[in-house]
Amino acid sequence: MAEHKDTIASEVLSSSLGGAVSASILYPLEVLKTKMQASGDDEGEASGEKKGMVEYAKDLYEREGISVFLNGIETSAFQSAMEKAFYFFAYTALKNVHSTIRSILDPRNASKPIGGFANLGLGCLAEWAHLPITMPIDCLSTAIQTSKQQNAVALMMTILKEGNMYKGIQAYYVLCFKPALQYTVFEQVKAALLKTRKQKELSAAEAFLLGMIARAVATVAVFPFVRAKVVMQSRKQEQPQEGGTQAPSVLTLLKELHSTGGISALYQGLGPELTRGVFSAALMLTIKEKINGGVKNALYGAPPSSRRL
């Protein structure tokens, strides 16, 4: 059966919807992982103990109640929708340009899938393309989750006043590989699975499992930089300003974390990050895969062969 090809519009709509839904469902885990990653910087070392994910969640609930796991959920859903929409907009556009150039240089390449390294490079460029817009929302989301002040407007005003909209962006020199690696693993394995099939679509179970594996690989590979970004965003503006010195760079912060807590300090919060991230990616990619066909039919009508049936 003839099917519509993926377009920028269909990819943007399906990925943004998938991102918003998955972020909303798993938001309590997002709060937990952010607080765990930031806690070692100000409170985690006070007790001299490293709490596990379940123990930390129980303690957080006893201190702040159920509301702490829901504050800022709308900001997180909006951030995820925008991040996925802009990422797939840039990625699909870059992929189309890359395919066009390849086919011009050699017409035989027109029907060939994009290779793994090319996919990784396009993914990195797509990640950097959306940061000017999504990074301030990311900083606001982190501030809501780690600050005692829960008013989003007041926190945004504070961030703007301090000029911290792009705090932690240095970590993205490495973090840009995270979604690139995740979606490259997903797309390459998906292409291999569908190569011999008539139905060019993954089942919900296949998309879910493949999304989990792809996110796990990407998360473990770059997690220390995720931890450094959260610590940098959650630190107060005045904290690193002793003696007029500037805030530490990402590498300096990683060395600082390692010197105070070893390898475990670099991977503090990995448990909830993996749990949330793996299920978030699996949900998002499953939703995206399942609604993508419907979105394309809504935008462009049913494929010709479908209309004849």
C-alpha atoms as a PDB file:
ATOM      1  CA  MET A   1       0.000   0.000   0.000  1.00  0.00           C
ATOM      2  CA  ALA A   2       1.352   3.405  -0.945  1.00  0.00           C
ATOM      3  CA  GLU A   3       2.064   5.647   2.004  1.00  0.00           C
ATOM      4  CA  HIS A   4       2.842   9.323   2.429  1.00  0.00           C
ATOM      5  CA  LYS A   5       6.495  10.060   3.116  1.00  0.00           C
ATOM      6  CA  ASP A   6       7.459  11.732   6.376  1.00  0.00           C
ATOM      7  CA  THR A   7       7.321  15.506   6.023  1.00  0.00           C
ATOM      8  CA  ILE A   8       8.427  18.356   8.264  1.00  0.00           C
ATOM      9  CA  ALA A   9       4.815  19.105   9.250  1.00  0.00           C
ATOM     10  CA  SER A  10       3.937  15.486  10.120  1.00  0.00           C
ATOM     11  CA  GLU A  11       7.168  14.961  12.075  1.00  0.00           C
ATOM     12  CA  VAL A  12       6.769  18.213  14.037  1.00  0.00           C
ATOM     13  CA  LEU A  13       3.115  17.604  14.967  1.00  0.00           C
ATOM     14  CA  SER A  14       3.494  13.936  15.924  1.00  0.00           C
ATOM     15  CA  SER A  15       6.713  14.460  17.909  1.00  0.00           C
ATOM     16  CA  SER A  16       5.420  17.509  19.806  1.00  0.00           C
ATOM     17  CA  LEU A  17       2.230  15.693  20.806  1.00  0.00           C
ATOM     18  CA  GLY A  18       4.215  12.635  21.838  1.00  0.00           C
ATOM     19  CA  GLY A  19       6.664  14.774  23.819  1.00  0.00           C
ATOM     20  CA  ALA A  20       3.969  16.684  25.710  1.00  0.00           C
ATOM     21  CA  VAL A  21       2.020  13.545  26.641  1.00  0.00           C
ATOM     22  CA  SER A  22       5.064  11.559  27.782  1.00  0.00           C
ATOM     23  CA  ALA A  23       6.467  14.509  29.763  1.00  0.00           C
ATOM     24  CA  SER A  24       3.152  14.996  31.586  1.00  0.00           C
ATOM     25  CA  ILE A  25       2.730  11.325  32.473  1.00  0.00           C
ATOM     26  CA  LEU A  26       6.276  10.986  33.820  1.00  0.00           C
ATOM     27  CA  TYR A  27       6.643  14.437  35.412  1.00  0.00           C
ATOM     28  CA  PRO A  28       6.971  13.162  39.031  1.00  0.00           C
ATOM     29  CA  LEU A  29      10.071  11.235  37.952  1.00  0.00           C
ATOM     30  CA  GLU A  30      11.374  14.378  36.216  1.00  0.00           C
ATOM     31  CA  VAL A  31      11.096  16.292  39.519  1.00  0.00           C
ATOM     32  CA  LEU A  32      12.758  13.458  41.442  1.00  0.00           C
ATOM     33  CA  LYS A  33      15.722  13.112  39.088  1.00  0.00           C
ATOM     34  CA  THR A  34      16.292  16.895  38.920  1.00  0.00           C
ATOM     35  CA  LYS A  35      16.247  17.285  42.700  1.00  0.00           C
ATOM     36  CA  MET A  36      18.570  14.293  43.152  1.00  0.00           C
ATOM     37  CA  GLN A  37      21.037  15.636  40.585  1.00  0.00           C
ATOM     38  CA  ALA A  38      21.056  19.086  42.211  1.00  0.00           C
ATOM     39  CA  SER A  39      20.956  17.974  45.863  1.00  0.00           C
ATOM     40  CA  GLY A  40      24.632  17.089  46.230  1.00  0.00           C
ATOM     41  CA  ASP A  41      25.505  20.688  45.459  1.00  0.00           C
ATOM     42  CA  ASP A  42      23.757  22.174  48.472  1.00  0.00           C
ATOM     43  CA  GLU A  43      22.158  19.640  50.787  1.00  0.00           C
ATOM     44  CA  GLY A  44      23.192  16.130  49.868  1.00  0.00           C
ATOM     45  CA  GLU A  45      26.532  16.324  51.614  1.00  0.00           C
ATOM     46  CA  ALA A  46      25.117  17.631  54.906  1.00  0.00           C
ATOM     47  CA  SER A  47      23.886  14.237  56.107  1.00  0.00           C
ATOM     48  CA  GLY A  48      26.885  12.339  54.771  1.00  0.00           C
ATOM     49  CA  GLU A  49      24.513   9.778  53.212  1.00  0.00           C
ATOM     50  CA  LYS A  50      23.609   9.019  49.624  1.00  0.00           C
ATOM     51  CA  LYS A  51      19.900   8.176  49.469  1.00  0.00           C
ATOM     52  CA  GLY A  52      18.419   5.816  46.918  1.00  0.00           C
ATOM     53  CA  MET A  53      15.659   6.852  44.542  1.00  0.00           C
ATOM     54  CA  VAL A  54      12.760   5.359  46.567  1.00  0.00           C
ATOM     55  CA  GLU A  55      14.107   6.628  49.899  1.00  0.00           C
ATOM     56  CA  TYR A  56      14.686  10.098  48.467  1.00  0.00           C
ATOM     57  CA  ALA A  57      11.136  10.173  47.030  1.00  0.00           C
ATOM     58  CA  LYS A  58       9.628   9.175  50.402  1.00  0.00           C
ATOM     59  CA  ASP A  59      11.635  11.852  52.212  1.00  0.00           C
ATOM     60  CA  LEU A  60      10.616  14.471  49.637  1.00  0.00           C
ATOM     61  CA  TYR A  61       6.940  13.522  50.003  1.00  0.00           C
ATOM     62  CA  GLU A  62       7.104  13.720  53.817  1.00  0.00           C
ATOM     63  CA  ARG A  63       8.747  17.175  53.692  1.00  0.00           C
ATOM     64  CA  GLU A  64       6.787  18.848  50.885  1.00  0.00           C
ATOM     65  CA  GLY A  65       3.718  16.716  50.154  1.00  0.00           C
ATOM     66  CA  ILE A  66       2.336  15.471  46.849  1.00  0.00           C
ATOM     67  CA  SER A  67       2.295  18.957  45.290  1.00  0.00           C
ATOM     68  CA  VAL A  68       6.092  18.962  44.921  1.00  0.00           C
ATOM     69  CA  PHE A  69       5.768  16.253  42.254  1.00  0.00           C
ATOM     70  CA  LEU A  70       3.294  18.298  40.205  1.00  0.00           C
ATOM     71  CA  ASN A  71       4.548  21.895  40.450  1.00  0.00           C
ATOM     72  CA  GLY A  72       5.655  23.059  37.001  1.00  0.00           C
ATOM     73  CA  ILE A  73       4.090  20.184  35.045  1.00  0.00           C
ATOM     74  CA  GLU A  74       2.658  22.554  32.425  1.00  0.00           C
ATOM     75  CA  THR A  75       6.082  24.176  31.885  1.00  0.00           C
ATOM     76  CA  SER A  76       7.689  20.762  31.463  1.00  0.00           C
ATOM     77  CA  ALA A  77       5.023  19.627  28.975  1.00  0.00           C
ATOM     78  CA  PHE A  78       5.447  22.862  26.982  1.00  0.00           C
ATOM     79  CA  GLN A  79       9.243  22.524  27.065  1.00  0.00           C
ATOM     80  CA  SER A  80       9.097  18.918  25.868  1.00  0.00           C
ATOM     81  CA  ALA A  81       6.634  19.745  23.077  1.00  0.00           C
ATOM     82  CA  MET A  82       8.744  22.686  21.854  1.00  0.00           C
ATOM     83  CA  GLU A  83      12.008  20.752  22.164  1.00  0.00           C
ATOM     84  CA  LYS A  84      10.723  17.776  20.173  1.00  0.00           C
ATOM     85  CA  ALA A  85       8.961  19.984  17.619  1.00  0.00           C
ATOM     86  CA  PHE A  86      12.030  22.138  16.912  1.00  0.00           C
ATOM     87  CA  TYR A  87      14.374  19.138  16.979  1.00  0.00           C
ATOM     88  CA  PHE A  88      12.369  17.157  14.430  1.00  0.00           C
ATOM     89  CA  PHE A  89      11.732  20.290  12.355  1.00  0.00           C
ATOM     90  CA  ALA A  90      15.488  20.888  12.068  1.00  0.00           C
ATOM     91  CA  TYR A  91      16.335  17.181  11.766  1.00  0.00           C
ATOM     92  CA  THR A  92      13.787  16.477   9.007  1.00  0.00           C
ATOM     93  CA  ALA A  93      14.781  19.630   7.102  1.00  0.00           C
ATOM     94  CA  LEU A  94      18.486  18.766   7.347  1.00  0.00           C
ATOM     95  CA  LYS A  95      17.779  15.164   6.343  1.00  0.00           C
ATOM     96  CA  ASN A  96      15.846  16.326   3.276  1.00  0.00           C
ATOM     97  CA  VAL A  97      18.679  18.693   2.266  1.00  0.00           C
ATOM     98  CA  HIS A  98      21.245  15.925   2.818  1.00  0.00           C
ATOM     99  CA  SER A  99      19.226  13.451   0.714  1.00  0.00           C
ATOM    100  CA  THR A 100      18.777  16.004  -2.074  1.00  0.00           C
ATOM    101  CA  ILE A 101      22.507  16.773  -2.211  1.00  0.00           C
ATOM    102  CA  ARG A 102      23.349  13.040  -2.197  1.00  0.00           C
ATOM    103  CA  SER A 103      20.946  12.309  -5.051  1.00  0.00           C
ATOM    104  CA  ILE A 104      22.326  15.228  -7.087  1.00  0.00           C
ATOM    105  CA  LEU A 105      25.903  14.035  -6.603  1.00  0.00           C
ATOM    106  CA  ASP A 106      24.952  10.432  -7.359  1.00  0.00           C
ATOM    107  CA  PRO A 107      21.388   9.521  -8.468  1.00  0.00           C
ATOM    108  CA  ARG A 108      21.944   5.947  -7.223  1.00  0.00           C
ATOM    109  CA  ASN A 109      21.933   7.280  -3.636  1.00  0.00           C
ATOM    110  CA  ALA A 110      18.348   8.534  -3.923  1.00  0.00           C
ATOM    111  CA  SER A 111      16.812   5.281  -2.671  1.00  0.00           C
ATOM    112  CA  LYS A 112      19.498   4.476  -0.105  1.00  0.00           C
ATOM    113  CA  PRO A 113      18.887   5.177   3.615  1.00  0.00           C
ATOM    114  CA  ILE A 114      21.083   7.695   5.438  1.00  0.00           C
ATOM    115  CA  GLY A 115      24.065   6.095   7.174  1.00  0.00           C
ATOM    116  CA  GLY A 116      24.657   6.029  10.925  1.00  0.00           C
ATOM    117  CA  PHE A 117      27.412   8.651  11.045  1.00  0.00           C
ATOM    118  CA  ALA A 118      25.477  11.038   8.816  1.00  0.00           C
ATOM    119  CA  ASN A 119      22.406  10.563  11.030  1.00  0.00           C
ATOM    120  CA  LEU A 120      24.485  11.335  14.119  1.00  0.00           C
ATOM    121  CA  GLY A 121      25.888  14.513  12.575  1.00  0.00           C
ATOM    122  CA  LEU A 122      22.465  15.724  11.441  1.00  0.00           C
ATOM    123  CA  GLY A 123      21.091  14.971  14.912  1.00  0.00           C
ATOM    124  CA  CYS A 124      23.793  17.077  16.591  1.00  0.00           C
ATOM    125  CA  LEU A 125      23.077  20.019  14.273  1.00  0.00           C
ATOM    126  CA  ALA A 126      19.332  19.665  14.920  1.00  0.00           C
ATOM    127  CA  GLU A 127      19.907  19.712  18.684  1.00  0.00           C
ATOM    128  CA  TRP A 128      21.885  22.968  18.513  1.00  0.00           C
ATOM    129  CA  ALA A 129      19.251  24.506  16.229  1.00  0.00           C
ATOM    130  CA  HIS A 130      16.522  24.479  18.895  1.00  0.00           C
ATOM    131  CA  LEU A 131      18.624  25.526  21.929  1.00  0.00           C
ATOM    132  CA  PRO A 132      18.215  29.321  21.483  1.00  0.00           C
ATOM    133  CA  ILE A 133      14.473  28.850  22.024  1.00  0.00           C
ATOM    134  CA  THR A 134      14.233  25.842  24.359  1.00  0.00           C
ATOM    135  CA  MET A 135      17.186  26.506  26.694  1.00  0.00           C
ATOM    136  CA  PRO A 136      15.441  29.365  28.589  1.00  0.00           C
ATOM    137  CA  ILE A 137      12.405  27.093  29.108  1.00  0.00           C
ATOM    138  CA  ASP A 138      14.745  24.361  30.367  1.00  0.00           C
ATOM    139  CA  CYS A 139      16.324  26.796  32.860  1.00  0.00           C
ATOM    140  CA  LEU A 140      12.858  27.860  34.052  1.00  0.00           C
ATOM    141  CA  SER A 141      11.741  24.238  34.463  1.00  0.00           C
ATOM    142  CA  THR A 142      14.860  23.420  36.520  1.00  0.00           C
ATOM    143  CA  ALA A 143      14.330  26.549  38.656  1.00  0.00           C
ATOM    144  CA  ILE A 144      10.713  25.583  39.390  1.00  0.00           C
ATOM    145  CA  GLN A 145      11.745  22.070  40.417  1.00  0.00           C
ATOM    146  CA  THR A 146      14.689  23.101  42.638  1.00  0.00           C
ATOM    147  CA  SER A 147      13.547  26.437  44.073  1.00  0.00           C
ATOM    148  CA  LYS A 148      11.264  26.975  47.075  1.00  0.00           C
ATOM    149  CA  GLN A 149       9.575  29.747  45.096  1.00  0.00           C
ATOM    150  CA  GLN A 150       7.068  28.098  42.765  1.00  0.00           C
ATOM    151  CA  ASN A 151       5.764  31.153  40.874  1.00  0.00           C
ATOM    152  CA  ALA A 152       6.875  30.616  37.265  1.00  0.00           C
ATOM    153  CA  VAL A 153       6.541  34.283  36.275  1.00  0.00           C
ATOM    154  CA  ALA A 154       8.597  35.497  39.258  1.00  0.00           C
ATOM    155  CA  LEU A 155      11.265  32.871  38.602  1.00  0.00           C
ATOM    156  CA  MET A 156      11.456  33.848  34.927  1.00  0.00           C
ATOM    157  CA  MET A 157      11.866  37.496  35.897  1.00  0.00           C
ATOM    158  CA  THR A 158      14.716  36.505  38.234  1.00  0.00           C
ATOM    159  CA  ILE A 159      16.395  34.446  35.503  1.00  0.00           C
ATOM    160  CA  LEU A 160      16.096  37.329  33.036  1.00  0.00           C
ATOM    161  CA  LYS A 161      17.403  39.839  35.587  1.00  0.00           C
ATOM    162  CA  GLU A 162      20.450  37.688  36.365  1.00  0.00           C
ATOM    163  CA  GLY A 163      21.060  36.918  32.694  1.00  0.00           C
ATOM    164  CA  ASN A 164      20.924  33.175  33.307  1.00  0.00           C
ATOM    165  CA  MET A 165      18.712  32.094  30.407  1.00  0.00           C
ATOM    166  CA  TYR A 166      21.534  30.052  28.908  1.00  0.00           C
ATOM    167  CA  LYS A 167      23.166  28.857  32.110  1.00  0.00           C
ATOM    168  CA  GLY A 168      24.750  25.429  31.592  1.00  0.00           C
ATOM    169  CA  ILE A 169      24.727  25.644  27.805  1.00  0.00           C
ATOM    170  CA  GLN A 170      28.433  24.673  27.760  1.00  0.00           C
ATOM    171  CA  ALA A 171      27.373  21.135  28.647  1.00  0.00           C
ATOM    172  CA  TYR A 172      25.632  20.899  25.276  1.00  0.00           C
ATOM    173  CA  TYR A 173      28.966  20.576  23.501  1.00  0.00           C
ATOM    174  CA  VAL A 174      28.588  16.955  24.638  1.00  0.00           C
ATOM    175  CA  LEU A 175      24.856  16.765  25.399  1.00  0.00           C
ATOM    176  CA  CYS A 176      24.030  17.479  21.755  1.00  0.00           C
ATOM    177  CA  PHE A 177      25.091  13.876  21.137  1.00  0.00           C
ATOM    178  CA  LYS A 178      22.387  12.541  23.490  1.00  0.00           C
ATOM    179  CA  PRO A 179      19.269  12.932  21.298  1.00  0.00           C
ATOM    180  CA  ALA A 180      21.412  12.480  18.199  1.00  0.00           C
ATOM    181  CA  LEU A 181      22.696   9.145  19.513  1.00  0.00           C
ATOM    182  CA  GLN A 182      19.243   8.149  20.774  1.00  0.00           C
ATOM    183  CA  TYR A 183      17.407   8.807  17.507  1.00  0.00           C
ATOM    184  CA  THR A 184      20.267   7.426  15.408  1.00  0.00           C
ATOM    185  CA  VAL A 185      20.140   4.108  17.294  1.00  0.00           C
ATOM    186  CA  PHE A 186      16.339   4.112  16.960  1.00  0.00           C
ATOM    187  CA  GLU A 187      16.287   4.976  13.250  1.00  0.00           C
ATOM    188  CA  GLN A 188      19.105   2.611  12.247  1.00  0.00           C
ATOM    189  CA  VAL A 189      17.653  -0.386  14.086  1.00  0.00           C
ATOM    190  CA  LYS A 190      14.159   0.500  12.851  1.00  0.00           C
ATOM    191  CA  ALA A 191      15.406   0.651   9.243  1.00  0.00           C
ATOM    192  CA  ALA A 192      17.084  -2.752   9.645  1.00  0.00           C
ATOM    193  CA  LEU A 193      13.910  -4.290  11.112  1.00  0.00           C
ATOM    194  CA  LEU A 194      11.588  -2.873   8.435  1.00  0.00           C
ATOM    195  CA  LYS A 195      13.899  -3.597   5.501  1.00  0.00           C
ATOM    196  CA  THR A 196      12.367  -7.004   4.743  1.00  0.00           C
ATOM    197  CA  ARG A 197       8.793  -6.194   5.806  1.00  0.00           C
ATOM    198  CA  LYS A 198       5.838  -5.164   3.669  1.00  0.00           C
ATOM    199  CA  GLN A 199       4.367  -3.071   6.488  1.00  0.00           C
ATOM    200  CA  LYS A 200       6.749  -0.117   6.920  1.00  0.00           C
ATOM    201  CA  GLU A 201       5.748   0.591  10.504  1.00  0.00           C
ATOM    202  CA  LEU A 202       6.854  -0.702  13.904  1.00  0.00           C
ATOM    203  CA  SER A 203       4.314  -2.227  16.259  1.00  0.00           C
ATOM    204  CA  ALA A 204       3.627  -0.365  19.512  1.00  0.00           C
ATOM    205  CA  ALA A 205       5.589  -2.959  21.501  1.00  0.00           C
ATOM    206  CA  GLU A 206       8.562  -2.797  19.109  1.00  0.00           C
ATOM    207  CA  ALA A 207       8.642   1.017  19.140  1.00  0.00           C
ATOM    208  CA  PHE A 208       8.385   1.046  22.948  1.00  0.00           C
ATOM    209  CA  LEU A 209      11.195  -1.493  23.458  1.00  0.00           C
ATOM    210  CA  LEU A 210      13.465   0.078  20.851  1.00  0.00           C
ATOM    211  CA  GLY A 211      12.845   3.535  22.316  1.00  0.00           C
ATOM    212  CA  MET A 212      13.848   2.265  25.780  1.00  0.00           C
ATOM    213  CA  ILE A 213      17.078   0.723  24.507  1.00  0.00           C
ATOM    214  CA  ALA A 214      18.037   3.796  22.446  1.00  0.00           C
ATOM    215  CA  ARG A 215      17.448   6.200  25.366  1.00  0.00           C
ATOM    216  CA  ALA A 216      19.352   3.997  27.842  1.00  0.00           C
ATOM    217  CA  VAL A 217      22.423   3.892  25.581  1.00  0.00           C
ATOM    218  CA  ALA A 218      22.376   7.668  25.044  1.00  0.00           C
ATOM    219  CA  THR A 219      21.750   8.517  28.731  1.00  0.00           C
ATOM    220  CA  VAL A 220      24.570   6.422  30.170  1.00  0.00           C
ATOM    221  CA  ALA A 221      26.983   7.777  27.549  1.00  0.00           C
ATOM    222  CA  VAL A 222      26.562  11.464  28.472  1.00  0.00           C
ATOM    223  CA  PHE A 223      25.066  11.458  31.998  1.00  0.00           C
ATOM    224  CA  PRO A 224      27.912  13.283  33.838  1.00  0.00           C
ATOM    225  CA  PHE A 225      27.245  16.300  31.606  1.00  0.00           C
ATOM    226  CA  VAL A 226      23.502  16.088  32.371  1.00  0.00           C
ATOM    227  CA  ARG A 227      24.391  16.205  36.075  1.00  0.00           C
ATOM    228  CA  ALA A 228      26.761  19.161  35.550  1.00  0.00           C
ATOM    229  CA  LYS A 229      24.097  21.109  33.617  1.00  0.00           C
ATOM    230  CA  VAL A 230      21.508  20.694  36.385  1.00  0.00           C
ATOM    231  CA  VAL A 231      24.011  21.670  39.098  1.00  0.00           C
ATOM    232  CA  MET A 232      25.013  24.799  37.145  1.00  0.00           C
ATOM    233  CA  GLN A 233      21.380  25.802  36.580  1.00  0.00           C
ATOM    234  CA  SER A 234      20.370  25.210  40.225  1.00  0.00           C
ATOM    235  CA  ARG A 235      23.295  27.093  41.815  1.00  0.00           C
ATOM    236  CA  LYS A 236      22.556  30.577  43.016  1.00  0.00           C
ATOM    237  CA  GLN A 237      24.018  33.471  41.028  1.00  0.00           C
ATOM    238  CA  GLU A 238      26.097  34.686  43.941  1.00  0.00           C
ATOM    239  CA  GLN A 239      27.457  31.323  45.025  1.00  0.00           C
ATOM    240  CA  PRO A 240      30.478  31.057  42.701  1.00  0.00           C
ATOM    241  CA  GLN A 241      31.322  34.761  42.797  1.00  0.00           C
ATOM    242  CA  GLU A 242      33.764  34.697  45.751  1.00  0.00           C
ATOM    243  CA  GLY A 243      36.798  36.880  45.074  1.00  0.00           C
ATOM    244  CA  GLY A 244      35.225  38.080  41.842  1.00  0.00           C
ATOM    245  CA  THR A 245      35.813  34.757  40.088  1.00  0.00           C
ATOM    246  CA  GLN A 246      33.465  33.515  37.427  1.00  0.00           C
ATOM    247  CA  ALA A 247      31.254  30.451  37.723  1.00  0.00           C
ATOM    248  CA  PRO A 248      33.192  27.225  37.001  1.00  0.00           C
ATOM    249  CA  SER A 249      33.172  25.737  33.531  1.00  0.00           C
ATOM    250  CA  VAL A 250      31.553  22.353  32.917  1.00  0.00           C
ATOM    251  CA  LEU A 251      34.894  20.514  32.993  1.00  0.00           C
ATOM    252  CA  THR A 252      35.943  22.317  36.190  1.00  0.00           C
ATOM    253  CA  LEU A 253      32.617  21.418  37.792  1.00  0.00           C
ATOM    254  CA  LEU A 254      32.984  17.771  36.762  1.00  0.00           C
ATOM    255  CA  LYS A 255      36.467  17.689  38.323  1.00  0.00           C
ATOM    256  CA  GLU A 256      35.037  19.292  41.474  1.00  0.00           C
ATOM    257  CA  LEU A 257      32.243  16.718  41.708  1.00  0.00           C
ATOM    258  CA  HIS A 258      34.679  13.862  41.114  1.00  0.00           C
ATOM    259  CA  SER A 259      37.145  15.121  43.727  1.00  0.00           C
ATOM    260  CA  THR A 260      34.429  15.387  46.409  1.00  0.00           C
ATOM    261  CA  GLY A 261      32.446  12.226  45.667  1.00  0.00           C
ATOM    262  CA  GLY A 262      34.262  10.113  43.109  1.00  0.00           C
ATOM    263  CA  ILE A 263      32.591   8.449  40.124  1.00  0.00           C
ATOM    264  CA  SER A 264      29.343   8.025  42.079  1.00  0.00           C
ATOM    265  CA  ALA A 265      29.015  11.831  42.342  1.00  0.00           C
ATOM    266  CA  LEU A 266      29.159  12.137  38.549  1.00  0.00           C
ATOM    267  CA  TYR A 267      26.334   9.608  38.229  1.00  0.00           C
ATOM    268  CA  GLN A 268      24.191  10.840  41.126  1.00  0.00           C
ATOM    269  CA  GLY A 269      20.558  10.730  40.027  1.00  0.00           C
ATOM    270  CA  LEU A 270      21.219   8.231  37.214  1.00  0.00           C
ATOM    271  CA  GLY A 271      18.497   5.896  38.531  1.00  0.00           C
ATOM    272  CA  PRO A 272      15.535   8.265  38.151  1.00  0.00           C
ATOM    273  CA  GLU A 273      17.093   9.807  35.006  1.00  0.00           C
ATOM    274  CA  LEU A 274      17.241   6.372  33.378  1.00  0.00           C
ATOM    275  CA  THR A 275      13.781   5.365  34.626  1.00  0.00           C
ATOM    276  CA  ARG A 276      12.120   8.599  33.539  1.00  0.00           C
ATOM    277  CA  GLY A 277      14.182   9.038  30.391  1.00  0.00           C
ATOM    278  CA  VAL A 278      13.777   5.475  29.157  1.00  0.00           C
ATOM    279  CA  PHE A 279      10.010   5.424  29.670  1.00  0.00           C
ATOM    280  CA  SER A 280       9.655   8.993  28.361  1.00  0.00           C
ATOM    281  CA  ALA A 281      11.542   8.209  25.163  1.00  0.00           C
ATOM    282  CA  ALA A 282       9.708   4.909  24.729  1.00  0.00           C
ATOM    283  CA  LEU A 283       6.317   6.588  25.233  1.00  0.00           C
ATOM    284  CA  MET A 284       7.164   9.552  23.008  1.00  0.00           C
ATOM    285  CA  LEU A 285       8.494   7.407  20.154  1.00  0.00           C
ATOM    286  CA  THR A 286       5.590   4.952  20.457  1.00  0.00           C
ATOM    287  CA  ILE A 287       3.020   7.768  20.370  1.00  0.00           C
ATOM    288  CA  LYS A 288       4.897   9.436  17.514  1.00  0.00           C
ATOM    289  CA  GLU A 289       5.050   6.199  15.492  1.00  0.00           C
ATOM    290  CA  LYS A 290       1.376   5.411  16.076  1.00  0.00           C
ATOM    291  CA  ILE A 291      -0.093   8.862  15.363  1.00  0.00           C
ATOM    292  CA  ASN A 292       2.296   9.796  12.555  1.00  0.00           C
ATOM    293  CA  GLY A 293       0.181   7.998   9.964  1.00  0.00           C
ATOM    294  CA  GLY A 294      -2.986   9.681  11.198  1.00  0.00           C
ATOM    295  CA  VAL A 295      -1.306  13.083  11.181  1.00  0.00           C
ATOM    296  CA  LYS A 296      -0.121  12.581   7.587  1.00  0.00           C
ATOM    297  CA  ASN A 297      -3.610  11.460   6.500  1.00  0.00           C
ATOM    298  CA  ALA A 298      -5.155  14.502   8.218  1.00  0.00           C
ATOM    299  CA  LEU A 299      -2.668  16.844   6.527  1.00  0.00           C
ATOM    300  CA  TYR A 300      -2.535  15.294   3.051  1.00  0.00           C
ATOM    301  CA  GLY A 301      -5.524  12.927   2.818  1.00  0.00           C
ATOM    302  CA  ALA A 302      -5.530   9.137   2.632  1.00  0.00           C
ATOM    303  CA  PRO A 303      -2.983   7.466   0.321  1.00  0.00           C
ATOM    304  CA  PRO A 304      -4.313   6.788  -3.219  1.00  0.00           C
ATOM    305  CA  SER A 305      -4.535   3.015  -2.768  1.00  0.00           C
ATOM    306  CA  SER A 306      -6.546   3.513   0.443  1.00  0.00           C
ATOM    307  CA  ARG A 307      -9.121   5.640  -1.378  1.00  0.00           C
ATOM    308  CA  ARG A 308      -9.738   2.884  -3.943  1.00  0.00           C
ATOM    309  CA  LEU A 309     -10.522   0.294  -1.271  1.00  0.00           C
END
